[in-house]
C-alpha atoms as a PDB file:
ATOM      1  CA  MET A   1      20.705  92.086 154.729  1.00  0.00           C
ATOM      2  CA  SER A   2      22.759  94.859 153.159  1.00  0.00           C
ATOM      3  CA  GLN A   3      23.124  98.220 154.849  1.00  0.00           C
ATOM      4  CA  ARG A   4      21.361 100.963 152.882  1.00  0.00           C
ATOM      5  CA  TYR A   5      23.673 103.935 152.402  1.00  0.00           C
ATOM      6  CA  THR A   6      22.153 105.645 149.368  1.00  0.00           C
ATOM      7  CA  ASP A   7      18.956 106.694 147.696  1.00  0.00           C
ATOM      8  CA  PHE A   8      18.454 106.220 143.958  1.00  0.00           C
ATOM      9  CA  THR A   9      16.145 108.811 142.413  1.00  0.00           C
ATOM     10  CA  PHE A  10      15.349 109.852 138.861  1.00  0.00           C
ATOM     11  CA  THR A  11      15.336 113.300 137.309  1.00  0.00           C
ATOM     12  CA  LYS A  12      12.404 114.477 135.181  1.00  0.00           C
ATOM     13  CA  THR A  13      14.402 113.496 132.100  1.00  0.00           C
ATOM     14  CA  GLY A  14      15.061 109.970 133.373  1.00  0.00           C
ATOM     15  CA  ASN A  15      18.657 110.307 134.553  1.00  0.00           C
ATOM     16  CA  LEU A  16      19.719 108.658 137.809  1.00  0.00           C
ATOM     17  CA  ILE A  17      20.913 110.494 140.918  1.00  0.00           C
ATOM     18  CA  ILE A  18      22.651 108.557 143.693  1.00  0.00           C
ATOM     19  CA  LYS A  19      22.871 110.364 147.041  1.00  0.00           C
ATOM     20  CA  VAL A  20      24.118 109.269 150.423  1.00  0.00           C
ATOM     21  CA  LEU A  21      21.257 109.172 152.916  1.00  0.00           C
ATOM     22  CA  PRO A  22      21.563 111.979 155.517  1.00  0.00           C
ATOM     23  CA  GLU A  23      21.586 109.471 158.377  1.00  0.00           C
ATOM     24  CA  GLN A  24      24.488 107.565 156.735  1.00  0.00           C
ATOM     25  CA  ARG A  25      26.614 110.578 155.810  1.00  0.00           C
ATOM     26  CA  GLU A  26      28.857 110.508 158.887  1.00  0.00           C
ATOM     27  CA  GLU A  27      29.566 106.791 158.557  1.00  0.00           C
ATOM     28  CA  VAL A  28      30.367 107.025 154.833  1.00  0.00           C
ATOM     29  CA  MET A  29      32.621 110.025 155.494  1.00  0.00           C
ATOM     30  CA  SER A  30      34.577 107.887 157.978  1.00  0.00           C
ATOM     31  CA  TRP A  31      35.438 105.236 155.390  1.00  0.00           C
ATOM     32  CA  LYS A  32      39.208 105.253 154.908  1.00  0.00           C
ATOM     33  CA  ASP A  33      38.899 103.586 151.486  1.00  0.00           C
ATOM     34  CA  ARG A  34      36.363 106.046 149.989  1.00  0.00           C
ATOM     35  CA  ASP A  35      38.189 106.105 146.642  1.00  0.00           C
ATOM     36  CA  SER A  36      38.314 102.325 146.172  1.00  0.00           C
ATOM     37  CA  ASP A  37      36.134 100.138 143.972  1.00  0.00           C
ATOM     38  CA  ASP A  38      35.197  98.168 147.100  1.00  0.00           C
ATOM     39  CA  ALA A  39      33.814 101.318 148.740  1.00  0.00           C
ATOM     40  CA  GLU A  40      31.802 102.133 145.623  1.00  0.00           C
ATOM     41  CA  MET A  41      30.223  98.675 145.608  1.00  0.00           C
ATOM     42  CA  ARG A  42      29.594  98.833 149.376  1.00  0.00           C
ATOM     43  CA  LEU A  43      27.871 102.187 148.876  1.00  0.00           C
ATOM     44  CA  ILE A  44      25.318 100.736 146.435  1.00  0.00           C
ATOM     45  CA  GLU A  45      25.218  97.147 147.731  1.00  0.00           C
ATOM     46  CA  TYR A  46      21.636  97.544 148.989  1.00  0.00           C
ATOM     47  CA  GLN A  47      20.412  98.505 145.514  1.00  0.00           C
ATOM     48  CA  LEU A  48      22.483  95.749 143.906  1.00  0.00           C
ATOM     49  CA  SER A  49      20.728  93.296 146.230  1.00  0.00           C
ATOM     50  CA  ASN A  50      17.330  94.687 145.239  1.00  0.00           C
ATOM     51  CA  GLY A  51      17.103  94.618 141.451  1.00  0.00           C
ATOM     52  CA  TRP A  52      19.937  96.848 140.236  1.00  0.00           C
ATOM     53  CA  GLU A  53      22.920  95.351 138.473  1.00  0.00           C
ATOM     54  CA  VAL A  54      26.412  96.410 137.415  1.00  0.00           C
ATOM     55  CA  ILE A  55      26.975  95.673 133.737  1.00  0.00           C
ATOM     56  CA  LYS A  56      30.532  95.060 132.606  1.00  0.00           C
ATOM     57  CA  PRO A  57      31.469  97.381 129.728  1.00  0.00           C
ATOM     58  CA  GLU A  58      32.518  94.432 127.547  1.00  0.00           C
ATOM     59  CA  GLU A  59      29.036  92.928 127.901  1.00  0.00           C
ATOM     60  CA  ILE A  60      27.613  95.766 125.811  1.00  0.00           C
ATOM     61  CA  GLY A  61      30.658  96.595 123.705  1.00  0.00           C
ATOM     62  CA  ALA A  62      31.430  99.794 125.615  1.00  0.00           C
ATOM     63  CA  LEU A  63      34.978 101.109 125.312  1.00  0.00           C
ATOM     64  CA  THR A  64      35.074 102.633 128.776  1.00  0.00           C
ATOM     65  CA  GLY A  65      35.835 101.766 132.347  1.00  0.00           C
ATOM     66  CA  CYS A  66      32.948 103.751 133.786  1.00  0.00           C
ATOM     67  CA  LEU A  67      30.333 102.279 136.084  1.00  0.00           C
ATOM     68  CA  ILE A  68      27.290 101.026 134.169  1.00  0.00           C
ATOM     69  CA  LEU A  69      24.094 100.304 136.095  1.00  0.00           C
ATOM     70  CA  SER A  70      20.726  98.879 135.058  1.00  0.00           C
ATOM     71  CA  GLN A  71      17.604  97.679 136.815  1.00  0.00           C
ATOM     72  CA  ASN A  72      15.992  95.811 133.947  1.00  0.00           C
ATOM     73  CA  THR A  73      18.578  93.491 132.433  1.00  0.00           C
ATOM     74  CA  ILE A  74      17.689  90.146 130.931  1.00  0.00           C
ATOM     75  CA  ARG A  75      20.163  87.278 131.191  1.00  0.00           C
ATOM     76  CA  ASP A  76      19.991  83.761 129.818  1.00  0.00           C
ATOM     77  CA  GLY A  77      20.332  80.573 131.859  1.00  0.00           C
ATOM     78  CA  ASP A  78      24.136  80.812 131.726  1.00  0.00           C
ATOM     79  CA  GLY A  79      24.107  84.369 133.082  1.00  0.00           C
ATOM     80  CA  ASP A  80      25.031  85.932 129.749  1.00  0.00           C
ATOM     81  CA  LEU A  81      23.476  89.310 129.018  1.00  0.00           C
ATOM     82  CA  VAL A  82      20.635  89.096 126.504  1.00  0.00           C
ATOM     83  CA  ASN A  83      19.261  92.630 126.905  1.00  0.00           C
ATOM     84  CA  SER A  84      20.748  95.402 129.023  1.00  0.00           C
ATOM     85  CA  GLY A  85      17.573  97.463 129.031  1.00  0.00           C
ATOM     86  CA  THR A  86      18.044 101.081 130.023  1.00  0.00           C
ATOM     87  CA  ILE A  87      21.507 101.730 131.390  1.00  0.00           C
ATOM     88  CA  TYR A  88      22.900 104.560 133.492  1.00  0.00           C
ATOM     89  CA  THR A  89      26.538 105.663 133.257  1.00  0.00           C
ATOM     90  CA  ASN A  90      28.863 108.023 135.081  1.00  0.00           C
ATOM     91  CA  LEU A  91      30.866 108.532 131.900  1.00  0.00           C
ATOM     92  CA  ALA A  92      31.001 112.327 132.315  1.00  0.00           C
ATOM     93  CA  TRP A  93      32.975 112.298 135.560  1.00  0.00           C
ATOM     94  CA  TYR A  94      34.253 108.799 136.436  1.00  0.00           C
ATOM     95  CA  GLN A  95      37.899 109.611 135.636  1.00  0.00           C
ATOM     96  CA  LEU A  96      37.802 112.771 137.764  1.00  0.00           C
ATOM     97  CA  ARG A  97      36.008 111.761 140.959  1.00  0.00           C
ATOM     98  CA  GLY A  98      34.808 108.560 142.581  1.00  0.00           C
ATOM     99  CA  LEU A  99      31.222 107.534 143.208  1.00  0.00           C
ATOM    100  CA  VAL A 100      31.485 107.955 146.982  1.00  0.00           C
ATOM    101  CA  HIS A 101      32.769 111.529 146.599  1.00  0.00           C
ATOM    102  CA  GLU A 102      29.995 112.416 144.153  1.00  0.00           C
ATOM    103  CA  ALA A 103      27.242 110.726 146.180  1.00  0.00           C
ATOM    104  CA  LEU A 104      28.307 112.760 149.240  1.00  0.00           C
ATOM    105  CA  SER A 105      27.972 116.038 147.317  1.00  0.00           C
ATOM    106  CA  ASP A 106      24.866 118.222 147.660  1.00  0.00           C
ATOM    107  CA  ASP A 107      23.709 117.328 144.142  1.00  0.00           C
ATOM    108  CA  GLY A 108      24.571 113.632 144.362  1.00  0.00           C
ATOM    109  CA  ALA A 109      26.172 111.450 141.701  1.00  0.00           C
ATOM    110  CA  PHE A 110      24.675 111.994 138.234  1.00  0.00           C
ATOM    111  CA  PHE A 111      24.296 108.961 135.979  1.00  0.00           C
ATOM    112  CA  ALA A 112      23.134 109.673 132.449  1.00  0.00           C
ATOM    113  CA  MET A 113      20.388 107.466 131.047  1.00  0.00           C
ATOM    114  CA  GLU A 114      21.433 105.610 127.908  1.00  0.00           C
ATOM    115  CA  ARG A 115      19.705 103.138 125.647  1.00  0.00           C
ATOM    116  CA  PRO A 116      22.310 101.076 123.839  1.00  0.00           C
ATOM    117  CA  ALA A 117      21.588  99.966 120.289  1.00  0.00           C
END
Protein backbone atom coordinates (compact mmCIF):
# COMPACT_ATOMS: atom_id res chain seq x y z
CA MET A 1 0.00 0.00 0.00
CA SER A 2 1.28 3.45 -0.91
CA GLN A 3 2.01 6.03 1.76
CA ARG A 4 -0.43 8.94 1.58
CA TYR A 5 1.44 12.24 1.64
CA THR A 6 -1.07 14.61 0.06
CA ASP A 7 -4.69 15.62 -0.10
CA PHE A 8 -6.36 16.39 -3.43
CA THR A 9 -9.18 18.92 -3.14
CA PHE A 10 -11.14 20.98 -5.64
CA THR A 11 -11.84 24.70 -5.68
CA LYS A 12 -15.36 26.02 -6.27
CA THR A 13 -14.44 26.52 -9.92
CA GLY A 14 -13.22 22.94 -10.33
CA ASN A 15 -9.46 23.45 -10.19
CA LEU A 16 -7.31 20.98 -8.26
CA ILE A 17 -5.25 21.80 -5.17
CA ILE A 18 -2.61 19.35 -3.96
CA LYS A 19 -1.39 19.89 -0.39
CA VAL A 20 0.95 17.92 1.81
CA LEU A 21 -0.93 16.49 4.78
CA PRO A 22 0.07 18.23 8.05
CA GLU A 23 1.15 14.93 9.60
CA GLN A 24 3.45 14.23 6.60
CA ARG A 25 5.00 17.69 6.33
CA GLU A 26 8.13 16.94 8.37
CA GLU A 27 8.87 13.74 6.46
CA VAL A 28 8.40 15.39 3.05
CA MET A 29 10.59 18.31 4.13
CA SER A 30 13.36 15.81 4.94
CA TRP A 31 13.46 14.40 1.41
CA LYS A 32 16.85 15.22 -0.08
CA ASP A 33 15.53 14.82 -3.64
CA ARG A 34 12.52 17.17 -3.29
CA ASP A 35 13.14 18.70 -6.73
CA SER A 36 13.30 15.39 -8.62
CA ASP A 37 10.63 13.77 -10.77
CA ASP A 38 10.87 10.71 -8.51
CA ALA A 39 9.94 12.81 -5.47
CA GLU A 40 6.98 14.30 -7.33
CA MET A 41 5.66 10.85 -8.21
CA ARG A 42 6.29 9.58 -4.66
CA LEU A 43 4.34 12.56 -3.33
CA ILE A 44 1.20 11.63 -5.30
CA GLU A 45 1.71 7.86 -5.50
CA TYR A 46 -1.28 7.18 -3.23
CA GLN A 47 -3.62 9.06 -5.57
CA LEU A 48 -2.05 7.43 -8.62
CA SER A 49 -2.82 4.06 -7.02
CA ASN A 50 -6.42 5.11 -6.39
CA GLY A 51 -7.87 6.32 -9.68
CA TRP A 52 -5.71 9.28 -10.70
CA GLU A 53 -3.40 9.02 -13.67
CA VAL A 54 -0.50 10.95 -15.19
CA ILE A 55 -1.14 11.64 -18.87
CA LYS A 56 1.88 12.07 -21.11
CA PRO A 57 1.70 15.36 -23.02
CA GLU A 58 2.13 13.58 -26.36
CA GLU A 59 -0.97 11.48 -25.64
CA ILE A 60 -3.14 14.58 -25.98
CA GLY A 61 -1.00 16.59 -28.39
CA ALA A 62 0.20 19.01 -25.70
CA LEU A 63 3.38 20.93 -26.48
CA THR A 64 4.53 21.15 -22.88
CA GLY A 65 6.46 19.24 -20.29
CA CYS A 66 4.11 20.09 -17.44
CA LEU A 67 2.47 17.49 -15.24
CA ILE A 68 -0.97 16.48 -16.53
CA LEU A 69 -3.32 14.61 -14.21
CA SER A 70 -6.76 13.08 -14.70
CA GLN A 71 -9.07 10.84 -12.73
CA ASN A 72 -11.44 9.83 -15.50
CA THR A 73 -9.38 8.65 -18.46
CA ILE A 74 -10.54 5.94 -20.80
CA ARG A 75 -7.98 3.62 -22.38
CA ASP A 76 -8.41 0.82 -24.88
CA GLY A 77 -7.26 -2.77 -24.40
CA ASP A 78 -3.73 -1.86 -25.51
CA GLY A 79 -3.49 0.95 -22.95
CA ASP A 80 -3.79 3.70 -25.54
CA LEU A 81 -5.67 6.81 -24.45
CA VAL A 82 -9.16 7.00 -25.94
CA ASN A 83 -10.50 9.89 -23.84
CA SER A 84 -8.54 11.97 -21.34
CA GLY A 85 -11.64 13.33 -19.65
CA THR A 86 -11.05 16.40 -17.53
CA ILE A 87 -7.37 17.11 -17.06
CA TYR A 88 -5.51 19.23 -14.53
CA THR A 89 -2.21 20.95 -15.35
CA ASN A 90 0.46 22.89 -13.51
CA LEU A 91 1.28 24.80 -16.68
CA ALA A 92 1.36 28.18 -14.90
CA TRP A 93 4.28 27.36 -12.62
CA TYR A 94 5.95 24.05 -13.55
CA GLN A 95 9.09 25.69 -14.98
CA LEU A 96 9.53 27.86 -11.88
CA ARG A 97 8.94 25.51 -8.95
CA GLY A 98 8.50 21.80 -8.40
CA LEU A 99 5.37 20.02 -7.22
CA VAL A 100 6.84 19.15 -3.82
CA HIS A 101 7.74 22.80 -3.15
CA GLU A 102 4.28 23.99 -4.18
CA ALA A 103 2.43 21.27 -2.25
CA LEU A 104 4.33 22.27 0.91
CA SER A 105 3.22 25.90 0.57
CA ASP A 106 0.30 27.27 2.59
CA ASP A 107 -1.90 27.47 -0.52
CA GLY A 108 -0.83 24.13 -1.98
CA ALA A 109 -0.08 23.30 -5.61
CA PHE A 110 -2.66 24.75 -8.02
CA PHE A 111 -3.60 22.67 -11.06
CA ALA A 112 -5.89 24.35 -13.56
CA MET A 113 -8.83 22.34 -14.85
CA GLU A 114 -8.78 21.89 -18.62
CA ARG A 115 -11.02 20.10 -21.06
CA PRO A 116 -9.05 19.26 -24.18
CA ALA A 117 -10.84 19.34 -27.52
